[in-house]
Amino acid sequence: MTTSPGVAVAATFVILLVVLAIMYNRLVRARIRVHEAWSGIAVQLQRRADLVPNLVEIVKGYGVHEREIFETVAKARAAMTQAAGPAEAGLANTGLTHALGRLFAVVENYPTIRASDNFHSLQRELAAIEERIAYARQFYNRNVLAYNTLIATLPSMPLARSLHFERENFFDTEGSSKDPVAVHLN
């Protein structure tokens, strides 16, 4: 029994449609994983930003003449909460990290702040949030790497380009590996 050319063409067309649907679904799943991973970072960055006013208030009570540092921290926090997307958030996160570093340097001049239970509690919470941010960043960047590789390699690259799947940015915190926030618990 021989198959007609029409049946062979139809079968080839159906197979091609199935392959395209599978590739499309892989692209969509990868993009959704990137967005889900970003939401994990956003939650931790918001937690960190929400903690900053409490830290500033404790330090303000003791170091009233450190107004410039409080303003710097407030501006950095505002930039962090208004950042849109990984690139902006990475820059804002770096700014907040540096501002917090300056705030903790001020704390070193005030032994009564360092002795405060409230301050110690906030420091521990900040350290825990920093660890969660680092983990969320690794998870996000792994998903971005997988997604960007998927849209830039064959066989999915032509489909990704034709459907405008855009490259995602990594969450890079400039200097984060070199200058972590100094959190001293003693």
Protein backbone atom coordinates (compact mmCIF):
# COMPACT_ATOMS: atom_id res chain seq x y z
CA MET A 1 0.00 0.00 0.00
CA THR A 2 1.40 3.38 -0.94
CA THR A 3 0.53 6.70 0.60
CA SER A 4 -0.49 9.54 -1.57
CA PRO A 5 1.67 12.66 -1.63
CA GLY A 6 -1.20 14.63 -0.09
CA VAL A 7 -1.26 12.42 3.01
CA ALA A 8 2.51 12.70 3.40
CA VAL A 9 2.34 16.49 3.12
CA ALA A 10 -0.52 16.65 5.60
CA ALA A 11 1.32 14.39 8.07
CA THR A 12 4.49 16.50 7.71
CA PHE A 13 2.45 19.65 8.29
CA VAL A 14 0.83 18.19 11.42
CA ILE A 15 4.22 17.09 12.78
CA LEU A 16 5.64 20.57 12.10
CA LEU A 17 2.70 22.16 13.94
CA VAL A 18 3.22 19.86 16.93
CA VAL A 19 6.95 20.65 17.03
CA LEU A 20 6.24 24.41 16.82
CA ALA A 21 3.64 24.14 19.59
CA ILE A 22 6.11 22.28 21.81
CA MET A 23 8.83 24.88 21.18
CA TYR A 24 6.40 27.73 21.81
CA ASN A 25 5.27 26.18 25.10
CA ARG A 26 8.91 25.77 26.21
CA LEU A 27 9.55 29.46 25.47
CA VAL A 28 6.47 30.55 27.38
CA ARG A 29 7.28 28.33 30.36
CA ALA A 30 10.84 29.68 30.48
CA ARG A 31 9.60 33.28 30.37
CA ILE A 32 7.06 32.59 33.13
CA ARG A 33 9.81 31.03 35.29
CA VAL A 34 11.89 34.21 34.85
CA HIS A 35 8.96 36.41 35.90
CA GLU A 36 8.17 34.16 38.86
CA ALA A 37 11.82 34.24 39.94
CA TRP A 38 11.85 38.04 39.65
CA SER A 39 8.84 38.27 41.94
CA GLY A 40 10.87 36.40 44.58
CA ILE A 41 13.60 39.04 44.39
CA ALA A 42 11.06 41.87 44.43
CA VAL A 43 9.49 40.53 47.62
CA GLN A 44 12.85 40.36 49.40
CA LEU A 45 13.90 43.81 48.18
CA GLN A 46 10.62 45.22 49.48
CA ARG A 47 11.15 43.53 52.85
CA ARG A 48 14.59 45.08 53.01
CA ALA A 49 13.25 48.50 52.05
CA ASP A 50 10.52 48.20 54.69
CA LEU A 51 13.13 47.48 57.35
CA VAL A 52 15.22 50.59 56.56
CA PRO A 53 12.93 53.20 58.19
CA ASN A 54 13.04 51.27 61.48
CA LEU A 55 16.83 51.20 61.39
CA VAL A 56 16.98 54.90 60.61
CA GLU A 57 14.58 55.75 63.44
CA ILE A 58 16.66 53.87 65.98
CA VAL A 59 19.87 55.55 64.84
CA LYS A 60 18.16 58.95 64.60
CA GLY A 61 17.28 58.82 68.25
CA TYR A 62 20.94 58.67 69.15
CA GLY A 63 22.74 60.44 66.31
CA VAL A 64 20.73 63.55 65.58
CA HIS A 65 23.63 65.32 63.87
CA GLU A 66 23.92 62.60 61.18
CA ARG A 67 21.16 64.15 59.06
CA GLU A 68 23.03 63.80 55.74
CA ILE A 69 23.33 60.05 56.14
CA PHE A 70 19.64 59.70 57.02
CA GLU A 71 18.72 61.63 53.88
CA THR A 72 21.03 59.47 51.77
CA VAL A 73 19.45 56.31 53.15
CA ALA A 74 15.95 57.70 52.59
CA LYS A 75 16.77 58.58 48.95
CA ALA A 76 18.34 55.18 48.34
CA ARG A 77 15.30 53.46 49.84
CA ALA A 78 12.96 55.52 47.66
CA ALA A 79 14.97 54.60 44.58
CA MET A 80 14.77 50.94 45.58
CA THR A 81 11.00 50.98 46.02
CA GLN A 82 10.49 52.79 42.69
CA ALA A 83 12.85 50.64 40.63
CA ALA A 84 11.25 48.97 37.66
CA GLY A 85 12.85 45.76 36.51
CA PRO A 86 16.12 44.00 37.20
CA ALA A 87 18.49 46.62 35.75
CA GLU A 88 17.05 49.54 37.74
CA ALA A 89 16.62 47.40 40.84
CA GLY A 90 20.25 46.27 40.63
CA LEU A 91 21.48 49.87 40.59
CA ALA A 92 19.08 50.92 43.32
CA ASN A 93 20.07 47.91 45.42
CA THR A 94 23.72 48.89 45.12
CA GLY A 95 22.87 52.44 46.22
CA LEU A 96 20.91 51.17 49.21
CA THR A 97 23.70 48.77 50.14
CA HIS A 98 26.23 51.62 50.17
CA ALA A 99 23.87 53.90 52.13
CA LEU A 100 23.27 51.18 54.72
CA GLY A 101 27.01 50.66 54.96
CA ARG A 102 27.39 54.34 55.83
CA LEU A 103 24.55 54.08 58.35
CA PHE A 104 26.23 51.13 60.06
CA ALA A 105 29.51 53.04 60.10
CA VAL A 106 27.71 55.79 62.05
CA VAL A 107 26.37 53.19 64.47
CA GLU A 108 29.95 52.24 65.32
CA ASN A 109 30.30 55.71 66.91
CA TYR A 110 27.36 55.12 69.26
CA PRO A 111 27.84 52.21 71.70
CA THR A 112 24.35 52.74 73.13
CA ILE A 113 22.81 51.99 69.73
CA ARG A 114 24.92 48.86 69.34
CA ALA A 115 23.72 47.72 72.78
CA SER A 116 20.04 48.24 71.90
CA ASP A 117 17.95 45.04 71.65
CA ASN A 118 15.78 46.64 68.97
CA PHE A 119 18.83 47.44 66.87
CA HIS A 120 20.20 43.91 67.28
CA SER A 121 16.86 42.47 66.25
CA LEU A 122 16.75 44.65 63.13
CA GLN A 123 20.34 43.73 62.28
CA ARG A 124 19.54 40.02 62.48
CA GLU A 125 16.47 40.50 60.34
CA LEU A 126 18.48 42.48 57.79
CA ALA A 127 21.15 39.77 57.67
CA ALA A 128 18.46 37.13 57.05
CA ILE A 129 16.91 39.23 54.29
CA GLU A 130 20.33 39.72 52.68
CA GLU A 131 20.74 35.94 52.56
CA ARG A 132 17.30 35.51 50.99
CA ILE A 133 18.09 38.20 48.40
CA ALA A 134 21.32 36.38 47.49
CA TYR A 135 19.45 33.10 47.07
CA ALA A 136 16.62 34.71 45.08
CA ARG A 137 19.19 36.45 42.87
CA GLN A 138 20.92 33.15 42.08
CA PHE A 139 17.57 31.50 41.31
CA TYR A 140 16.48 34.38 39.09
CA ASN A 141 19.79 34.58 37.21
CA ARG A 142 19.73 30.80 36.58
CA ASN A 143 16.26 31.13 35.06
CA VAL A 144 17.33 34.13 32.97
CA LEU A 145 20.34 32.19 31.70
CA ALA A 146 18.15 29.24 30.69
CA TYR A 147 15.58 31.52 29.01
CA ASN A 148 18.16 33.66 27.18
CA THR A 149 19.94 30.51 25.99
CA LEU A 150 16.65 29.06 24.78
CA ILE A 151 15.74 32.12 22.70
CA ALA A 152 19.27 32.46 21.28
CA THR A 153 19.86 28.86 20.18
CA LEU A 154 18.45 26.52 17.59
CA PRO A 155 15.89 25.14 17.11
CA SER A 156 13.81 27.68 19.06
CA MET A 157 15.65 30.87 17.99
CA PRO A 158 13.68 31.50 14.75
CA LEU A 159 10.36 31.01 16.53
CA ALA A 160 11.44 33.20 19.46
CA ARG A 161 12.53 35.98 17.12
CA SER A 162 9.38 35.84 15.03
CA LEU A 163 7.21 36.02 18.16
CA HIS A 164 9.32 38.79 19.74
CA PHE A 165 10.57 36.93 22.79
CA GLU A 166 13.00 39.47 24.18
CA ARG A 167 16.18 38.82 26.11
CA GLU A 168 15.84 39.31 29.89
CA ASN A 169 18.35 41.19 32.05
CA PHE A 170 20.27 39.53 34.83
CA PHE A 171 19.90 40.96 38.33
CA ASP A 172 23.37 42.29 38.82
CA THR A 173 24.22 44.23 41.92
CA GLU A 174 27.35 46.16 41.18
CA GLY A 175 29.87 45.58 43.90
CA SER A 176 27.62 43.22 45.85
CA SER A 177 30.20 40.47 45.86
CA LYS A 178 32.95 42.90 46.80
CA ASP A 179 31.23 45.15 49.33
CA PRO A 180 28.55 43.34 51.32
CA VAL A 181 26.57 45.23 53.93
CA ALA A 182 28.47 45.12 57.18
CA VAL A 183 26.20 43.71 59.84
CA HIS A 184 27.93 43.47 63.21
CA LEU A 185 26.08 41.72 65.98
CA ASN A 186 28.52 42.42 68.85
